[in-house]
Amino acid sequence: MKIKRVTNADLVETVDELGGKVTAVVQKELADSLAKAVAQVRKQQLCQLQNLPRLNAISKKYGMTVRLLGPADVQNKTLDPKEREILDAYLYNAEQKQPQIANIQKISDTTYIYNAAVPTENAICQTCFGTEKTPLAVWRLSINKRDVVLRMNASVKKKPAN
């Protein structure tokens, strides 16, 4: 085995790529499930990300935690203060009808958080947080640095040698 140096830029790039792919897949699964759901109780379960098989499989495969946050989570004390600041910025942008961009935060030496806002007009935002003063839905992916490095090593092995 060779020792390979992994820079912070490499880690952030991998988290960004992985986060973008995962949120796209999970967002499609949730939107499709919400469209098929008839009962309001079922929709609320889906908004809590319950009974979503692809999401569960992805979470296990990549060793990440996926949550859907809303405006009330700006006050959620279980989130890191940095995360609450980011959510507050997403909320402000939603109120001002500003464009939203994905965000990556290094919360500790071992944890990265990827955030991506769901467009306000999206069914997820309307169904899950439509009763809020400002409808806002933000994907929160928490991934361990170790899992990112393992993923980087796996993708390097798959690339053909030149």
Protein backbone atom coordinates (compact mmCIF):
# COMPACT_ATOMS: atom_id res chain seq x y z
CA MET A 1 0.00 0.00 0.00
CA LYS A 2 1.12 3.51 -0.75
CA ILE A 3 0.56 6.44 1.53
CA LYS A 4 -1.34 9.12 -0.29
CA ARG A 5 -1.61 12.70 0.86
CA VAL A 6 -5.17 14.00 0.93
CA THR A 7 -5.62 17.76 1.04
CA ASN A 8 -8.57 19.68 2.47
CA ALA A 9 -9.38 20.80 -1.07
CA ASP A 10 -9.59 17.13 -2.15
CA LEU A 11 -11.90 16.35 0.74
CA VAL A 12 -14.18 19.33 0.07
CA GLU A 13 -14.33 18.52 -3.65
CA THR A 14 -15.32 14.91 -2.89
CA VAL A 15 -17.94 16.00 -0.32
CA ASP A 16 -19.36 18.50 -2.82
CA GLU A 17 -19.55 15.92 -5.60
CA LEU A 18 -21.04 13.26 -3.35
CA GLY A 19 -23.47 15.70 -1.72
CA GLY A 20 -24.74 16.93 -5.07
CA LYS A 21 -25.35 13.41 -6.34
CA VAL A 22 -26.98 12.18 -3.14
CA THR A 23 -29.30 15.17 -2.73
CA ALA A 24 -30.44 14.86 -6.37
CA VAL A 25 -31.32 11.18 -5.92
CA VAL A 26 -32.96 11.62 -2.51
CA GLN A 27 -34.87 14.72 -3.60
CA LYS A 28 -36.28 12.85 -6.61
CA GLU A 29 -37.26 9.88 -4.42
CA LEU A 30 -39.00 12.11 -1.88
CA ALA A 31 -40.78 14.19 -4.55
CA ASP A 32 -42.00 11.05 -6.34
CA SER A 33 -43.17 9.51 -3.04
CA LEU A 34 -44.98 12.70 -2.03
CA ALA A 35 -46.72 12.83 -5.41
CA LYS A 36 -47.99 9.26 -4.96
CA ALA A 37 -49.03 9.71 -1.32
CA VAL A 38 -52.69 10.49 -0.75
CA ALA A 39 -53.06 10.62 3.03
CA GLN A 40 -51.69 13.64 4.89
CA VAL A 41 -50.27 11.33 7.58
CA ARG A 42 -48.26 9.49 4.93
CA LYS A 43 -46.94 12.79 3.55
CA GLN A 44 -45.80 13.85 7.02
CA GLN A 45 -43.97 10.53 7.45
CA LEU A 46 -42.25 11.10 4.13
CA CYS A 47 -41.29 14.64 5.18
CA GLN A 48 -39.61 13.03 8.21
CA LEU A 49 -37.74 10.86 5.66
CA GLN A 50 -39.42 7.67 6.88
CA ASN A 51 -39.89 4.68 4.58
CA LEU A 52 -37.61 5.87 1.78
CA PRO A 53 -35.68 2.76 0.67
CA ARG A 54 -33.15 4.51 -1.60
CA LEU A 55 -32.34 7.07 1.08
CA ASN A 56 -31.75 4.30 3.63
CA ALA A 57 -29.53 2.39 1.19
CA ILE A 58 -27.51 5.50 0.31
CA SER A 59 -27.08 6.41 3.98
CA LYS A 60 -25.68 2.98 4.74
CA LYS A 61 -23.51 2.81 1.62
CA TYR A 62 -21.81 6.15 2.21
CA GLY A 63 -21.96 6.19 6.02
CA MET A 64 -23.87 9.46 6.13
CA THR A 65 -26.84 10.89 7.92
CA VAL A 66 -29.43 12.64 5.74
CA ARG A 67 -31.98 15.06 7.18
CA LEU A 68 -34.43 17.57 5.77
CA LEU A 69 -34.35 20.80 7.76
CA GLY A 70 -36.81 23.67 7.80
CA PRO A 71 -37.12 27.19 9.20
CA ALA A 72 -37.67 25.98 12.78
CA ASP A 73 -34.26 24.27 12.74
CA VAL A 74 -32.56 27.68 12.86
CA GLN A 75 -33.30 27.45 16.61
CA ASN A 76 -32.41 23.73 16.89
CA LYS A 77 -29.79 23.52 19.67
CA THR A 78 -28.75 20.01 18.61
CA LEU A 79 -27.17 21.52 15.49
CA ASP A 80 -23.74 23.12 15.62
CA PRO A 81 -23.83 26.95 15.86
CA LYS A 82 -22.15 27.15 12.42
CA GLU A 83 -24.95 25.06 10.96
CA ARG A 84 -27.62 27.26 12.49
CA GLU A 85 -25.91 30.33 11.00
CA ILE A 86 -25.94 28.69 7.57
CA LEU A 87 -29.64 27.80 7.96
CA ASP A 88 -30.36 31.38 8.98
CA ALA A 89 -28.59 32.56 5.81
CA TYR A 90 -30.67 30.14 3.72
CA LEU A 91 -33.81 31.46 5.42
CA TYR A 92 -32.80 35.08 4.78
CA ASN A 93 -32.11 34.27 1.10
CA ALA A 94 -35.51 32.56 0.82
CA GLU A 95 -37.24 35.60 2.36
CA GLN A 96 -35.41 37.91 -0.05
CA LYS A 97 -36.03 35.53 -2.98
CA GLN A 98 -32.27 35.25 -3.53
CA PRO A 99 -30.68 32.25 -5.26
CA GLN A 100 -29.48 29.46 -2.97
CA ILE A 101 -26.20 27.58 -3.36
CA ALA A 102 -24.88 24.42 -1.75
CA ASN A 103 -22.65 24.81 1.27
CA ILE A 104 -20.01 22.61 2.91
CA GLN A 105 -18.88 23.06 6.50
CA LYS A 106 -16.18 21.23 8.40
CA ILE A 107 -17.83 20.91 11.82
CA SER A 108 -15.04 19.04 13.57
CA ASP A 109 -11.84 17.30 12.62
CA THR A 110 -13.90 14.30 11.55
CA THR A 111 -17.26 15.60 10.26
CA TYR A 112 -18.32 17.44 7.12
CA ILE A 113 -21.81 18.84 6.59
CA TYR A 114 -23.20 19.35 3.10
CA ASN A 115 -26.26 21.61 2.83
CA ALA A 116 -28.38 22.24 -0.24
CA ALA A 117 -31.64 24.18 -0.33
CA VAL A 118 -34.68 22.80 -2.10
CA PRO A 119 -36.21 25.36 -4.50
CA THR A 120 -39.14 27.14 -2.82
CA GLU A 121 -41.57 26.20 -5.60
CA ASN A 122 -40.68 22.50 -5.28
CA ALA A 123 -43.39 20.16 -3.97
CA ILE A 124 -41.10 19.10 -1.11
CA CYS A 125 -40.84 22.65 0.16
CA GLN A 126 -44.56 23.26 -0.22
CA THR A 127 -45.71 19.96 1.28
CA CYS A 128 -43.24 19.69 4.16
CA PHE A 129 -42.82 23.36 5.11
CA GLY A 130 -45.65 25.18 3.30
CA THR A 131 -47.30 26.22 6.56
CA GLU A 132 -44.22 28.19 7.63
CA LYS A 133 -44.05 31.97 7.20
CA THR A 134 -41.24 31.38 4.69
CA PRO A 135 -41.28 27.88 3.22
CA LEU A 136 -37.73 26.54 3.29
CA ALA A 137 -36.35 23.02 2.98
CA VAL A 138 -32.63 22.31 3.26
CA TRP A 139 -30.94 18.97 2.80
CA ARG A 140 -28.36 18.24 5.48
CA LEU A 141 -25.86 15.47 4.83
CA SER A 142 -23.42 14.64 7.59
CA ILE A 143 -20.47 12.54 6.48
CA ASN A 144 -17.45 11.33 8.37
CA LYS A 145 -14.03 12.32 7.03
CA ARG A 146 -12.95 8.67 7.12
CA ASP A 147 -15.80 7.69 4.78
CA VAL A 148 -14.86 10.52 2.39
CA VAL A 149 -11.24 9.34 2.28
CA LEU A 150 -12.33 5.74 1.71
CA ARG A 151 -14.57 6.91 -1.13
CA MET A 152 -11.68 8.87 -2.64
CA ASN A 153 -9.43 5.81 -2.51
CA ALA A 154 -12.15 3.64 -4.07
CA SER A 155 -12.65 6.10 -6.95
CA VAL A 156 -8.87 6.29 -7.55
CA LYS A 157 -8.72 2.49 -7.83
CA LYS A 158 -11.55 2.47 -10.40
CA LYS A 159 -9.88 5.01 -12.69
CA PRO A 160 -7.91 3.40 -15.53
CA ALA A 161 -4.16 4.04 -15.57
CA ASN A 162 -2.87 6.24 -18.40
